[in-house]
Amino acid sequence: MNSNAVIAIHGGAGTILRSSMSASAEADYHAALHAVLSAGQRVLADGGSALDAVSEAVRLLEDCPLFNAGRGAVYTAAGTHELDAAIMDGSTLDAGAICCVKRVRNPILAARRVLERSEHVLFTGEGAEAFAAAQGLEFAEPEYFHTEARHRQWLIARGQQRAMLDHDGATLAAAPSPSDDPTPHEPIDPNRKFGTVGAVALDQHGHVAAATSTGGVTNKQAGRVGDTPLIGAGCYADDATCAVSTTGSGEMFMRMVAAYDVAAQMAYRNVSLQEAADDVVMNRLPKIDGRGGLIAVDARGNVTLPFNTEGMYRGFARLGEAPVTAIYR
């Protein structure tokens, strides 16, 4: 049995909101991250698989309205929610993903069913919802995903005609003034944040897994799909190298096949997890204005959580140790 079992999670990356930092809000985010890590840690402690641990962690992140996945997902330009998720098992290279679903309560559970019960890897839209329904998964009305903060954020984006408000690249318009800020008590500015959640884990059997879920970017064009449900871009896992979950400017992560690149560099350059992840996040992605970060774990229990933004909601928990959570650099 592997005594290095560990789980790591992220809840999005972006620009720190310094104007109105609230200690209580910061505490809320740390508490949410801590609770999710503790749940994943319990799965691993009980001998559960890495796949089970990341499924449970991401399911809980989807249920938490603080993060942009499941309940609390951002709005599309059409005023709807379109949810994406992916999961991968490093022991078999099996993977499952869904995208553009509107009524699946926990997209990550649907992605898991695709992995386990379908010969396919990726389902989209109505087909994904039909598959989830056939699997007996729980559905929710559109109102379930609504939060007042995300709705106000969307109204501001729509008013400014900013198609991808979550992006914080220099090419985009300035952030709204503090008086316009829809949620002044988030540690990371919701208007300049890449909202995705994810988890990676190494279990006691020596296997790794990764999972990622998102509501996308605020005011996105209906039907837009980012990196999250694309195996190799938003999610990747291989026992021979590592498990990776990303968060950031999705189009750039797609173009760089960022998650797979970490594993590929380990395999082909024979570099460490840390070196491979740092090269992708700090060197390769910035060349095309790629902003965000990733979390990764290898089969020896090494963990890395690099990001090139001001902050990233993140944390990790090893067996027998207290979870560690962080927001800022």
C-alpha atoms as a PDB file:
ATOM      1  CA  MET A   1       0.000   0.000   0.000  1.00  0.00           C
ATOM      2  CA  ASN A   2       1.169   3.505  -0.832  1.00  0.00           C
ATOM      3  CA  SER A   3       1.639   5.692   2.229  1.00  0.00           C
ATOM      4  CA  ASN A   4       2.017   8.814   0.057  1.00  0.00           C
ATOM      5  CA  ALA A   5      -1.693   9.006  -0.755  1.00  0.00           C
ATOM      6  CA  VAL A   6      -2.752  12.617  -1.283  1.00  0.00           C
ATOM      7  CA  ILE A   7      -5.511  14.740  -2.785  1.00  0.00           C
ATOM      8  CA  ALA A   8      -5.268  18.285  -4.171  1.00  0.00           C
ATOM      9  CA  ILE A   9      -8.051  20.614  -5.339  1.00  0.00           C
ATOM     10  CA  HIS A  10      -8.516  23.997  -7.020  1.00  0.00           C
ATOM     11  CA  GLY A  11     -11.438  26.375  -7.285  1.00  0.00           C
ATOM     12  CA  GLY A  12     -10.304  28.788  -9.971  1.00  0.00           C
ATOM     13  CA  ALA A  13      -7.545  31.358 -10.502  1.00  0.00           C
ATOM     14  CA  GLY A  14      -7.444  35.056 -11.222  1.00  0.00           C
ATOM     15  CA  THR A  15      -6.820  38.579 -10.008  1.00  0.00           C
ATOM     16  CA  ILE A  16      -6.831  39.369  -6.290  1.00  0.00           C
ATOM     17  CA  LEU A  17      -9.578  41.788  -5.287  1.00  0.00           C
ATOM     18  CA  ARG A  18      -7.616  44.124  -3.004  1.00  0.00           C
ATOM     19  CA  SER A  19     -10.192  46.918  -2.827  1.00  0.00           C
ATOM     20  CA  SER A  20     -12.569  45.307  -0.388  1.00  0.00           C
ATOM     21  CA  MET A  21     -10.981  42.226   1.090  1.00  0.00           C
ATOM     22  CA  SER A  22     -13.169  40.699   3.769  1.00  0.00           C
ATOM     23  CA  ALA A  23     -11.601  38.500   6.421  1.00  0.00           C
ATOM     24  CA  SER A  24     -14.873  36.638   6.885  1.00  0.00           C
ATOM     25  CA  ALA A  25     -15.207  35.964   3.152  1.00  0.00           C
ATOM     26  CA  GLU A  26     -11.638  34.756   3.008  1.00  0.00           C
ATOM     27  CA  ALA A  27     -12.425  32.450   5.912  1.00  0.00           C
ATOM     28  CA  ASP A  28     -15.470  31.120   4.035  1.00  0.00           C
ATOM     29  CA  TYR A  29     -13.307  30.097   1.081  1.00  0.00           C
ATOM     30  CA  HIS A  30     -10.692  28.455   3.285  1.00  0.00           C
ATOM     31  CA  ALA A  31     -13.442  26.595   5.165  1.00  0.00           C
ATOM     32  CA  ALA A  32     -15.022  25.371   1.921  1.00  0.00           C
ATOM     33  CA  LEU A  33     -11.679  24.172   0.546  1.00  0.00           C
ATOM     34  CA  HIS A  34     -10.847  22.507   3.878  1.00  0.00           C
ATOM     35  CA  ALA A  35     -14.182  20.657   3.983  1.00  0.00           C
ATOM     36  CA  VAL A  36     -13.773  19.327   0.447  1.00  0.00           C
ATOM     37  CA  LEU A  37     -10.190  18.220   1.085  1.00  0.00           C
ATOM     38  CA  SER A  38     -11.240  16.478   4.303  1.00  0.00           C
ATOM     39  CA  ALA A  39     -13.935  14.547   2.449  1.00  0.00           C
ATOM     40  CA  GLY A  40     -11.493  13.447  -0.255  1.00  0.00           C
ATOM     41  CA  GLN A  41      -8.940  12.555   2.391  1.00  0.00           C
ATOM     42  CA  ARG A  42     -11.502  10.291   4.106  1.00  0.00           C
ATOM     43  CA  VAL A  43     -12.118   8.435   0.838  1.00  0.00           C
ATOM     44  CA  LEU A  44      -8.389   7.764   0.479  1.00  0.00           C
ATOM     45  CA  ALA A  45      -7.967   6.843   4.165  1.00  0.00           C
ATOM     46  CA  ASP A  46     -10.716   4.239   3.814  1.00  0.00           C
ATOM     47  CA  GLY A  47      -8.809   2.629   0.950  1.00  0.00           C
ATOM     48  CA  GLY A  48     -10.932   4.226  -1.749  1.00  0.00           C
ATOM     49  CA  SER A  49      -9.630   4.785  -5.248  1.00  0.00           C
ATOM     50  CA  ALA A  50      -8.175   8.032  -6.555  1.00  0.00           C
ATOM     51  CA  LEU A  51     -11.118   8.056  -8.971  1.00  0.00           C
ATOM     52  CA  ASP A  52     -13.563   7.943  -6.043  1.00  0.00           C
ATOM     53  CA  ALA A  53     -11.675  10.679  -4.207  1.00  0.00           C
ATOM     54  CA  VAL A  54     -11.641  13.148  -7.111  1.00  0.00           C
ATOM     55  CA  SER A  55     -15.288  12.359  -7.934  1.00  0.00           C
ATOM     56  CA  GLU A  56     -16.358  13.165  -4.396  1.00  0.00           C
ATOM     57  CA  ALA A  57     -14.211  16.292  -4.158  1.00  0.00           C
ATOM     58  CA  VAL A  58     -15.493  17.768  -7.414  1.00  0.00           C
ATOM     59  CA  ARG A  59     -19.089  16.817  -6.594  1.00  0.00           C
ATOM     60  CA  LEU A  60     -18.804  18.816  -3.371  1.00  0.00           C
ATOM     61  CA  LEU A  61     -17.217  21.745  -5.214  1.00  0.00           C
ATOM     62  CA  GLU A  62     -20.134  21.646  -7.675  1.00  0.00           C
ATOM     63  CA  ASP A  63     -22.567  21.800  -4.759  1.00  0.00           C
ATOM     64  CA  CYS A  64     -20.801  24.807  -3.193  1.00  0.00           C
ATOM     65  CA  PRO A  65     -22.145  28.138  -4.542  1.00  0.00           C
ATOM     66  CA  LEU A  66     -18.792  29.866  -3.944  1.00  0.00           C
ATOM     67  CA  PHE A  67     -17.299  28.251  -7.043  1.00  0.00           C
ATOM     68  CA  ASN A  68     -18.137  28.369 -10.761  1.00  0.00           C
ATOM     69  CA  ALA A  69     -19.355  24.803 -11.289  1.00  0.00           C
ATOM     70  CA  GLY A  70     -22.757  23.250 -10.690  1.00  0.00           C
ATOM     71  CA  ARG A  71     -24.675  25.461  -8.267  1.00  0.00           C
ATOM     72  CA  GLY A  72     -23.098  28.903  -8.604  1.00  0.00           C
ATOM     73  CA  ALA A  73     -22.174  28.453 -12.281  1.00  0.00           C
ATOM     74  CA  VAL A  74     -21.908  31.612 -14.369  1.00  0.00           C
ATOM     75  CA  TYR A  75     -24.461  32.739 -16.974  1.00  0.00           C
ATOM     76  CA  THR A  76     -24.159  32.494 -20.753  1.00  0.00           C
ATOM     77  CA  ALA A  77     -25.045  35.388 -23.059  1.00  0.00           C
ATOM     78  CA  ALA A  78     -28.466  33.757 -23.392  1.00  0.00           C
ATOM     79  CA  GLY A  79     -29.016  33.953 -19.636  1.00  0.00           C
ATOM     80  CA  THR A  80     -28.679  30.190 -19.217  1.00  0.00           C
ATOM     81  CA  HIS A  81     -26.200  27.818 -17.576  1.00  0.00           C
ATOM     82  CA  GLU A  82     -24.094  25.406 -19.641  1.00  0.00           C
ATOM     83  CA  LEU A  83     -21.975  23.011 -17.627  1.00  0.00           C
ATOM     84  CA  ASP A  84     -18.928  20.933 -18.594  1.00  0.00           C
ATOM     85  CA  ALA A  85     -16.972  18.227 -16.746  1.00  0.00           C
ATOM     86  CA  ALA A  86     -14.350  15.528 -17.317  1.00  0.00           C
ATOM     87  CA  ILE A  87     -12.696  12.750 -15.343  1.00  0.00           C
ATOM     88  CA  MET A  88      -9.807  10.375 -16.069  1.00  0.00           C
ATOM     89  CA  ASP A  89      -8.467   7.223 -14.429  1.00  0.00           C
ATOM     90  CA  GLY A  90      -4.666   7.010 -14.528  1.00  0.00           C
ATOM     91  CA  SER A  91      -4.611   3.243 -13.997  1.00  0.00           C
ATOM     92  CA  THR A  92      -6.512   2.453 -17.214  1.00  0.00           C
ATOM     93  CA  LEU A  93      -6.458   5.736 -19.190  1.00  0.00           C
ATOM     94  CA  ASP A  94     -10.258   5.485 -19.250  1.00  0.00           C
ATOM     95  CA  ALA A  95     -11.917   8.892 -19.445  1.00  0.00           C
ATOM     96  CA  GLY A  96     -15.378  10.395 -19.552  1.00  0.00           C
ATOM     97  CA  ALA A  97     -16.646  13.895 -20.237  1.00  0.00           C
ATOM     98  CA  ILE A  98     -19.805  15.884 -20.881  1.00  0.00           C
ATOM     99  CA  CYS A  99     -20.346  19.434 -22.085  1.00  0.00           C
ATOM    100  CA  CYS A 100     -23.134  22.001 -22.575  1.00  0.00           C
ATOM    101  CA  VAL A 101     -25.571  20.346 -20.164  1.00  0.00           C
ATOM    102  CA  LYS A 102     -28.203  22.548 -18.543  1.00  0.00           C
ATOM    103  CA  ARG A 103     -30.051  20.333 -16.070  1.00  0.00           C
ATOM    104  CA  VAL A 104     -27.612  17.726 -14.749  1.00  0.00           C
ATOM    105  CA  ARG A 105     -27.181  18.568 -11.064  1.00  0.00           C
ATOM    106  CA  ASN A 106     -23.658  17.144 -10.808  1.00  0.00           C
ATOM    107  CA  PRO A 107     -21.893  17.108 -14.187  1.00  0.00           C
ATOM    108  CA  ILE A 108     -18.893  15.263 -12.750  1.00  0.00           C
ATOM    109  CA  LEU A 109     -21.082  12.267 -11.875  1.00  0.00           C
ATOM    110  CA  ALA A 110     -22.313  12.174 -15.463  1.00  0.00           C
ATOM    111  CA  ALA A 111     -18.728  12.288 -16.721  1.00  0.00           C
ATOM    112  CA  ARG A 112     -17.906   9.407 -14.374  1.00  0.00           C
ATOM    113  CA  ARG A 113     -20.778   7.352 -15.812  1.00  0.00           C
ATOM    114  CA  VAL A 114     -19.489   8.032 -19.329  1.00  0.00           C
ATOM    115  CA  LEU A 115     -16.102   6.690 -18.222  1.00  0.00           C
ATOM    116  CA  GLU A 116     -17.588   3.580 -16.620  1.00  0.00           C
ATOM    117  CA  ARG A 117     -20.589   2.700 -18.776  1.00  0.00           C
ATOM    118  CA  SER A 118     -20.038   4.020 -22.273  1.00  0.00           C
ATOM    119  CA  GLU A 119     -17.735   3.094 -25.137  1.00  0.00           C
ATOM    120  CA  HIS A 120     -17.459   6.830 -25.841  1.00  0.00           C
ATOM    121  CA  VAL A 121     -15.483   9.573 -24.088  1.00  0.00           C
ATOM    122  CA  LEU A 122     -17.431  12.795 -24.670  1.00  0.00           C
ATOM    123  CA  PHE A 123     -21.154  13.581 -24.899  1.00  0.00           C
ATOM    124  CA  THR A 124     -22.591  17.021 -25.591  1.00  0.00           C
ATOM    125  CA  GLY A 125     -25.843  18.897 -24.983  1.00  0.00           C
ATOM    126  CA  GLU A 126     -29.078  16.957 -25.329  1.00  0.00           C
ATOM    127  CA  GLY A 127     -27.230  13.710 -25.950  1.00  0.00           C
ATOM    128  CA  ALA A 128     -25.290  14.135 -22.718  1.00  0.00           C
ATOM    129  CA  GLU A 129     -28.502  14.861 -20.808  1.00  0.00           C
ATOM    130  CA  ALA A 130     -30.222  11.834 -22.328  1.00  0.00           C
ATOM    131  CA  PHE A 131     -27.283   9.659 -21.316  1.00  0.00           C
ATOM    132  CA  ALA A 132     -27.326  11.062 -17.772  1.00  0.00           C
ATOM    133  CA  ALA A 133     -31.080  10.484 -17.508  1.00  0.00           C
ATOM    134  CA  ALA A 134     -30.685   6.892 -18.692  1.00  0.00           C
ATOM    135  CA  GLN A 135     -28.092   6.426 -15.932  1.00  0.00           C
ATOM    136  CA  GLY A 136     -30.599   7.608 -13.331  1.00  0.00           C
ATOM    137  CA  LEU A 137     -28.603  10.689 -12.355  1.00  0.00           C
ATOM    138  CA  GLU A 138     -30.225  13.574 -10.513  1.00  0.00           C
ATOM    139  CA  PHE A 139     -31.495  16.519 -12.549  1.00  0.00           C
ATOM    140  CA  ALA A 140     -32.206  20.054 -11.376  1.00  0.00           C
ATOM    141  CA  GLU A 141     -34.270  22.941 -12.722  1.00  0.00           C
ATOM    142  CA  PRO A 142     -32.278  25.893 -14.116  1.00  0.00           C
ATOM    143  CA  GLU A 143     -33.124  27.914 -10.992  1.00  0.00           C
ATOM    144  CA  TYR A 144     -31.041  25.522  -8.894  1.00  0.00           C
ATOM    145  CA  PHE A 145     -27.810  26.743 -10.509  1.00  0.00           C
ATOM    146  CA  HIS A 146     -28.691  30.425  -9.964  1.00  0.00           C
ATOM    147  CA  THR A 147     -26.973  32.600  -7.376  1.00  0.00           C
ATOM    148  CA  GLU A 148     -27.657  36.297  -7.012  1.00  0.00           C
ATOM    149  CA  ALA A 149     -23.957  37.156  -7.217  1.00  0.00           C
ATOM    150  CA  ARG A 150     -23.489  35.340 -10.559  1.00  0.00           C
ATOM    151  CA  HIS A 151     -26.636  36.945 -11.949  1.00  0.00           C
ATOM    152  CA  ARG A 152     -25.440  40.456 -11.055  1.00  0.00           C
ATOM    153  CA  GLN A 153     -22.045  39.613 -12.510  1.00  0.00           C
ATOM    154  CA  TRP A 154     -23.751  38.621 -15.773  1.00  0.00           C
ATOM    155  CA  LEU A 155     -25.827  41.831 -15.886  1.00  0.00           C
ATOM    156  CA  ILE A 156     -22.629  43.880 -15.616  1.00  0.00           C
ATOM    157  CA  ALA A 157     -20.944  41.821 -18.320  1.00  0.00           C
ATOM    158  CA  ARG A 158     -23.952  42.175 -20.599  1.00  0.00           C
ATOM    159  CA  GLY A 159     -24.139  45.911 -19.963  1.00  0.00           C
ATOM    160  CA  GLN A 160     -20.478  46.303 -20.919  1.00  0.00           C
ATOM    161  CA  GLN A 161     -20.833  43.832 -23.813  1.00  0.00           C
ATOM    162  CA  ARG A 162     -17.796  41.958 -22.536  1.00  0.00           C
ATOM    163  CA  ALA A 163     -18.066  38.550 -24.067  1.00  0.00           C
ATOM    164  CA  MET A 164     -15.683  36.839 -21.638  1.00  0.00           C
ATOM    165  CA  LEU A 165     -15.745  38.787 -18.447  1.00  0.00           C
ATOM    166  CA  ASP A 166     -13.912  36.104 -16.470  1.00  0.00           C
ATOM    167  CA  HIS A 167     -10.699  36.679 -18.454  1.00  0.00           C
ATOM    168  CA  ASP A 168      -8.188  38.961 -16.820  1.00  0.00           C
ATOM    169  CA  GLY A 169      -5.762  39.352 -19.722  1.00  0.00           C
ATOM    170  CA  ALA A 170      -4.325  42.789 -20.432  1.00  0.00           C
ATOM    171  CA  THR A 171      -6.139  42.953 -23.766  1.00  0.00           C
ATOM    172  CA  LEU A 172      -9.528  43.150 -22.113  1.00  0.00           C
ATOM    173  CA  ALA A 173     -11.307  46.223 -20.840  1.00  0.00           C
ATOM    174  CA  ALA A 174     -10.603  47.437 -17.341  1.00  0.00           C
ATOM    175  CA  ALA A 175     -12.451  45.762 -14.487  1.00  0.00           C
ATOM    176  CA  PRO A 176     -15.630  47.415 -13.249  1.00  0.00           C
ATOM    177  CA  SER A 177     -15.272  50.062 -10.587  1.00  0.00           C
ATOM    178  CA  PRO A 178     -15.697  48.832  -6.996  1.00  0.00           C
ATOM    179  CA  SER A 179     -19.200  50.326  -6.942  1.00  0.00           C
ATOM    180  CA  ASP A 180     -20.128  48.012  -9.828  1.00  0.00           C
ATOM    181  CA  ASP A 181     -18.526  44.954  -8.327  1.00  0.00           C
ATOM    182  CA  PRO A 182     -21.217  42.272  -7.997  1.00  0.00           C
ATOM    183  CA  THR A 183     -19.533  40.390  -5.176  1.00  0.00           C
ATOM    184  CA  PRO A 184     -17.159  42.670  -3.267  1.00  0.00           C
ATOM    185  CA  HIS A 185     -16.405  40.007  -0.680  1.00  0.00           C
ATOM    186  CA  GLU A 186     -14.663  37.428  -2.843  1.00  0.00           C
ATOM    187  CA  PRO A 187     -10.887  37.220  -2.332  1.00  0.00           C
ATOM    188  CA  ILE A 188     -10.398  36.781  -6.094  1.00  0.00           C
ATOM    189  CA  ASP A 189     -12.195  39.327  -8.283  1.00  0.00           C
ATOM    190  CA  PRO A 190     -15.139  37.464  -9.892  1.00  0.00           C
ATOM    191  CA  ASN A 191     -14.904  39.762 -12.910  1.00  0.00           C
ATOM    192  CA  ARG A 192     -11.307  38.764 -13.601  1.00  0.00           C
ATOM    193  CA  LYS A 193     -11.347  35.137 -12.574  1.00  0.00           C
ATOM    194  CA  PHE A 194     -11.121  31.875 -14.476  1.00  0.00           C
ATOM    195  CA  GLY A 195     -13.768  29.828 -12.745  1.00  0.00           C
ATOM    196  CA  THR A 196     -13.190  26.099 -12.830  1.00  0.00           C
ATOM    197  CA  VAL A 197     -12.974  23.482 -10.095  1.00  0.00           C
ATOM    198  CA  GLY A 198     -10.854  20.363 -10.094  1.00  0.00           C
ATOM    199  CA  ALA A 199      -9.185  17.612  -8.113  1.00  0.00           C
ATOM    200  CA  VAL A 200      -6.256  15.222  -8.508  1.00  0.00           C
ATOM    201  CA  ALA A 201      -5.368  12.328  -6.238  1.00  0.00           C
ATOM    202  CA  LEU A 202      -2.980   9.468  -5.592  1.00  0.00           C
ATOM    203  CA  ASP A 203      -4.539   6.554  -3.715  1.00  0.00           C
ATOM    204  CA  GLN A 204      -3.026   3.940  -1.419  1.00  0.00           C
ATOM    205  CA  HIS A 205      -2.897   1.494  -4.333  1.00  0.00           C
ATOM    206  CA  GLY A 206      -0.537   3.764  -6.274  1.00  0.00           C
ATOM    207  CA  HIS A 207      -3.085   4.967  -8.835  1.00  0.00           C
ATOM    208  CA  VAL A 208      -3.780   8.571  -9.859  1.00  0.00           C
ATOM    209  CA  ALA A 209      -6.917  10.271 -11.187  1.00  0.00           C
ATOM    210  CA  ALA A 210      -8.041  13.745 -12.189  1.00  0.00           C
ATOM    211  CA  ALA A 211     -11.404  15.513 -12.495  1.00  0.00           C
ATOM    212  CA  THR A 212     -12.445  19.005 -13.632  1.00  0.00           C
ATOM    213  CA  SER A 213     -15.802  20.828 -13.794  1.00  0.00           C
ATOM    214  CA  THR A 214     -16.958  24.320 -14.791  1.00  0.00           C
ATOM    215  CA  GLY A 215     -19.784  26.657 -15.688  1.00  0.00           C
ATOM    216  CA  GLY A 216     -17.507  28.293 -18.252  1.00  0.00           C
ATOM    217  CA  VAL A 217     -17.007  32.045 -18.567  1.00  0.00           C
ATOM    218  CA  THR A 218     -19.557  34.757 -17.831  1.00  0.00           C
ATOM    219  CA  ASN A 219     -21.585  35.944 -20.828  1.00  0.00           C
ATOM    220  CA  LYS A 220     -20.008  33.298 -23.058  1.00  0.00           C
ATOM    221  CA  GLN A 221     -21.691  32.598 -26.368  1.00  0.00           C
ATOM    222  CA  ALA A 222     -24.146  29.717 -25.997  1.00  0.00           C
ATOM    223  CA  GLY A 223     -22.506  26.507 -27.163  1.00  0.00           C
ATOM    224  CA  ARG A 224     -18.967  27.641 -26.353  1.00  0.00           C
ATOM    225  CA  VAL A 225     -16.843  24.839 -24.941  1.00  0.00           C
ATOM    226  CA  GLY A 226     -13.557  25.486 -23.164  1.00  0.00           C
ATOM    227  CA  ASP A 227     -10.748  23.221 -22.054  1.00  0.00           C
ATOM    228  CA  THR A 228     -12.509  21.612 -19.078  1.00  0.00           C
ATOM    229  CA  PRO A 229     -14.192  18.642 -20.828  1.00  0.00           C
ATOM    230  CA  LEU A 230     -11.346  18.057 -23.276  1.00  0.00           C
ATOM    231  CA  ILE A 231      -9.074  15.216 -22.214  1.00  0.00           C
ATOM    232  CA  GLY A 232      -5.493  16.479 -22.332  1.00  0.00           C
ATOM    233  CA  ALA A 233      -6.454  20.135 -22.075  1.00  0.00           C
ATOM    234  CA  GLY A 234      -8.455  20.509 -18.856  1.00  0.00           C
ATOM    235  CA  CYS A 235      -7.855  17.075 -17.379  1.00  0.00           C
ATOM    236  CA  TYR A 236      -5.366  14.215 -17.748  1.00  0.00           C
ATOM    237  CA  ALA A 237      -4.191  11.224 -15.704  1.00  0.00           C
ATOM    238  CA  ASP A 238      -1.668   8.447 -16.284  1.00  0.00           C
ATOM    239  CA  ASP A 239      -0.106   6.333 -13.534  1.00  0.00           C
ATOM    240  CA  ALA A 240       3.164   6.375 -15.502  1.00  0.00           C
ATOM    241  CA  THR A 241       3.476  10.135 -15.070  1.00  0.00           C
ATOM    242  CA  CYS A 242       0.890  12.222 -13.234  1.00  0.00           C
ATOM    243  CA  ALA A 243      -2.677  13.495 -12.856  1.00  0.00           C
ATOM    244  CA  VAL A 244      -3.480  17.107 -13.813  1.00  0.00           C
ATOM    245  CA  SER A 245      -6.490  19.431 -13.536  1.00  0.00           C
ATOM    246  CA  THR A 246      -6.297  22.930 -14.997  1.00  0.00           C
ATOM    247  CA  THR A 247      -8.030  26.282 -14.582  1.00  0.00           C
ATOM    248  CA  GLY A 248      -7.527  29.340 -16.748  1.00  0.00           C
ATOM    249  CA  SER A 249      -8.147  30.935 -20.110  1.00  0.00           C
ATOM    250  CA  GLY A 250      -9.623  27.814 -21.659  1.00  0.00           C
ATOM    251  CA  GLU A 251      -8.846  28.565 -25.281  1.00  0.00           C
ATOM    252  CA  MET A 252      -5.143  28.902 -24.476  1.00  0.00           C
ATOM    253  CA  PHE A 253      -5.083  25.689 -22.446  1.00  0.00           C
ATOM    254  CA  MET A 254      -6.744  23.939 -25.393  1.00  0.00           C
ATOM    255  CA  ARG A 255      -4.183  25.272 -27.846  1.00  0.00           C
ATOM    256  CA  MET A 256      -1.330  24.115 -25.594  1.00  0.00           C
ATOM    257  CA  VAL A 257      -2.989  20.808 -24.627  1.00  0.00           C
ATOM    258  CA  ALA A 258      -1.762  21.944 -21.237  1.00  0.00           C
ATOM    259  CA  ALA A 259      -2.699  19.038 -18.975  1.00  0.00           C
ATOM    260  CA  TYR A 260      -1.208  16.427 -21.291  1.00  0.00           C
ATOM    261  CA  ASP A 261       1.896  18.530 -21.831  1.00  0.00           C
ATOM    262  CA  VAL A 262       2.826  18.155 -18.156  1.00  0.00           C
ATOM    263  CA  ALA A 263       2.646  14.364 -18.456  1.00  0.00           C
ATOM    264  CA  ALA A 264       4.403  14.371 -21.831  1.00  0.00           C
ATOM    265  CA  GLN A 265       7.321  16.419 -20.533  1.00  0.00           C
ATOM    266  CA  MET A 266       7.747  13.977 -17.649  1.00  0.00           C
ATOM    267  CA  ALA A 267       7.707  11.042 -20.060  1.00  0.00           C
ATOM    268  CA  TYR A 268       9.785  12.430 -22.905  1.00  0.00           C
ATOM    269  CA  ARG A 269      12.084  14.950 -21.222  1.00  0.00           C
ATOM    270  CA  ASN A 270      12.412  12.836 -18.075  1.00  0.00           C
ATOM    271  CA  VAL A 271      11.872  15.867 -15.833  1.00  0.00           C
ATOM    272  CA  SER A 272      10.173  16.077 -12.428  1.00  0.00           C
ATOM    273  CA  LEU A 273       6.500  16.880 -11.911  1.00  0.00           C
ATOM    274  CA  GLN A 274       7.453  20.301 -10.560  1.00  0.00           C
ATOM    275  CA  GLU A 275       9.688  21.162 -13.517  1.00  0.00           C
ATOM    276  CA  ALA A 276       7.154  20.018 -16.101  1.00  0.00           C
ATOM    277  CA  ALA A 277       4.244  21.869 -14.484  1.00  0.00           C
ATOM    278  CA  ASP A 278       6.252  25.062 -14.001  1.00  0.00           C
ATOM    279  CA  ASP A 279       7.374  25.015 -17.639  1.00  0.00           C
ATOM    280  CA  VAL A 280       3.780  24.731 -18.881  1.00  0.00           C
ATOM    281  CA  VAL A 281       2.339  27.388 -16.558  1.00  0.00           C
ATOM    282  CA  MET A 282       5.203  29.870 -16.333  1.00  0.00           C
ATOM    283  CA  ASN A 283       6.867  29.537 -19.753  1.00  0.00           C
ATOM    284  CA  ARG A 284       4.680  27.997 -22.425  1.00  0.00           C
ATOM    285  CA  LEU A 285       1.198  29.354 -21.622  1.00  0.00           C
ATOM    286  CA  PRO A 286       2.282  33.009 -21.184  1.00  0.00           C
ATOM    287  CA  LYS A 287       3.692  32.992 -24.742  1.00  0.00           C
ATOM    288  CA  ILE A 288       0.093  32.974 -26.009  1.00  0.00           C
ATOM    289  CA  ASP A 289      -1.291  35.043 -23.099  1.00  0.00           C
ATOM    290  CA  GLY A 290      -2.465  31.922 -21.304  1.00  0.00           C
ATOM    291  CA  ARG A 291      -3.540  32.838 -17.769  1.00  0.00           C
ATOM    292  CA  GLY A 292      -4.367  30.490 -14.914  1.00  0.00           C
ATOM    293  CA  GLY A 293      -2.861  27.489 -13.213  1.00  0.00           C
ATOM    294  CA  LEU A 294      -3.063  23.772 -12.559  1.00  0.00           C
ATOM    295  CA  ILE A 295      -2.809  21.169  -9.842  1.00  0.00           C
ATOM    296  CA  ALA A 296      -0.916  17.926 -10.331  1.00  0.00           C
ATOM    297  CA  VAL A 297       0.219  14.843  -8.429  1.00  0.00           C
ATOM    298  CA  ASP A 298       2.543  12.040  -9.504  1.00  0.00           C
ATOM    299  CA  ALA A 299       2.679   8.363  -8.534  1.00  0.00           C
ATOM    300  CA  ARG A 300       5.246   9.097  -5.818  1.00  0.00           C
ATOM    301  CA  GLY A 301       2.995  11.545  -4.046  1.00  0.00           C
ATOM    302  CA  ASN A 302       4.669  14.732  -5.206  1.00  0.00           C
ATOM    303  CA  VAL A 303       2.193  17.606  -5.486  1.00  0.00           C
ATOM    304  CA  THR A 304       2.499  20.915  -7.332  1.00  0.00           C
ATOM    305  CA  LEU A 305       0.008  23.785  -7.671  1.00  0.00           C
ATOM    306  CA  PRO A 306       1.568  26.457  -9.932  1.00  0.00           C
ATOM    307  CA  PHE A 307      -0.323  29.487 -11.293  1.00  0.00           C
ATOM    308  CA  ASN A 308       0.636  32.651 -13.184  1.00  0.00           C
ATOM    309  CA  THR A 309      -2.203  34.845 -11.888  1.00  0.00           C
ATOM    310  CA  GLU A 310      -2.252  36.725  -8.580  1.00  0.00           C
ATOM    311  CA  GLY A 311      -4.159  33.982  -6.839  1.00  0.00           C
ATOM    312  CA  MET A 312      -5.715  30.514  -7.094  1.00  0.00           C
ATOM    313  CA  TYR A 313      -8.130  28.847  -4.694  1.00  0.00           C
ATOM    314  CA  ARG A 314      -6.248  25.655  -3.869  1.00  0.00           C
ATOM    315  CA  GLY A 315      -5.216  23.103  -1.274  1.00  0.00           C
ATOM    316  CA  PHE A 316      -3.967  19.596  -0.649  1.00  0.00           C
ATOM    317  CA  ALA A 317      -4.255  16.939   2.043  1.00  0.00           C
ATOM    318  CA  ARG A 318      -1.990  13.984   2.750  1.00  0.00           C
ATOM    319  CA  LEU A 319      -3.121  10.984   4.759  1.00  0.00           C
ATOM    320  CA  GLY A 320      -2.745  11.614   8.473  1.00  0.00           C
ATOM    321  CA  GLU A 321      -2.007  15.322   8.047  1.00  0.00           C
ATOM    322  CA  ALA A 322      -4.189  18.427   8.316  1.00  0.00           C
ATOM    323  CA  PRO A 323      -5.356  19.860   4.984  1.00  0.00           C
ATOM    324  CA  VAL A 324      -3.445  22.878   3.690  1.00  0.00           C
ATOM    325  CA  THR A 325      -5.428  25.607   1.888  1.00  0.00           C
ATOM    326  CA  ALA A 326      -4.315  28.818   0.164  1.00  0.00           C
ATOM    327  CA  ILE A 327      -5.598  31.650  -2.017  1.00  0.00           C
ATOM    328  CA  TYR A 328      -2.749  34.081  -2.619  1.00  0.00           C
ATOM    329  CA  ARG A 329       0.828  33.597  -3.732  1.00  0.00           C
END
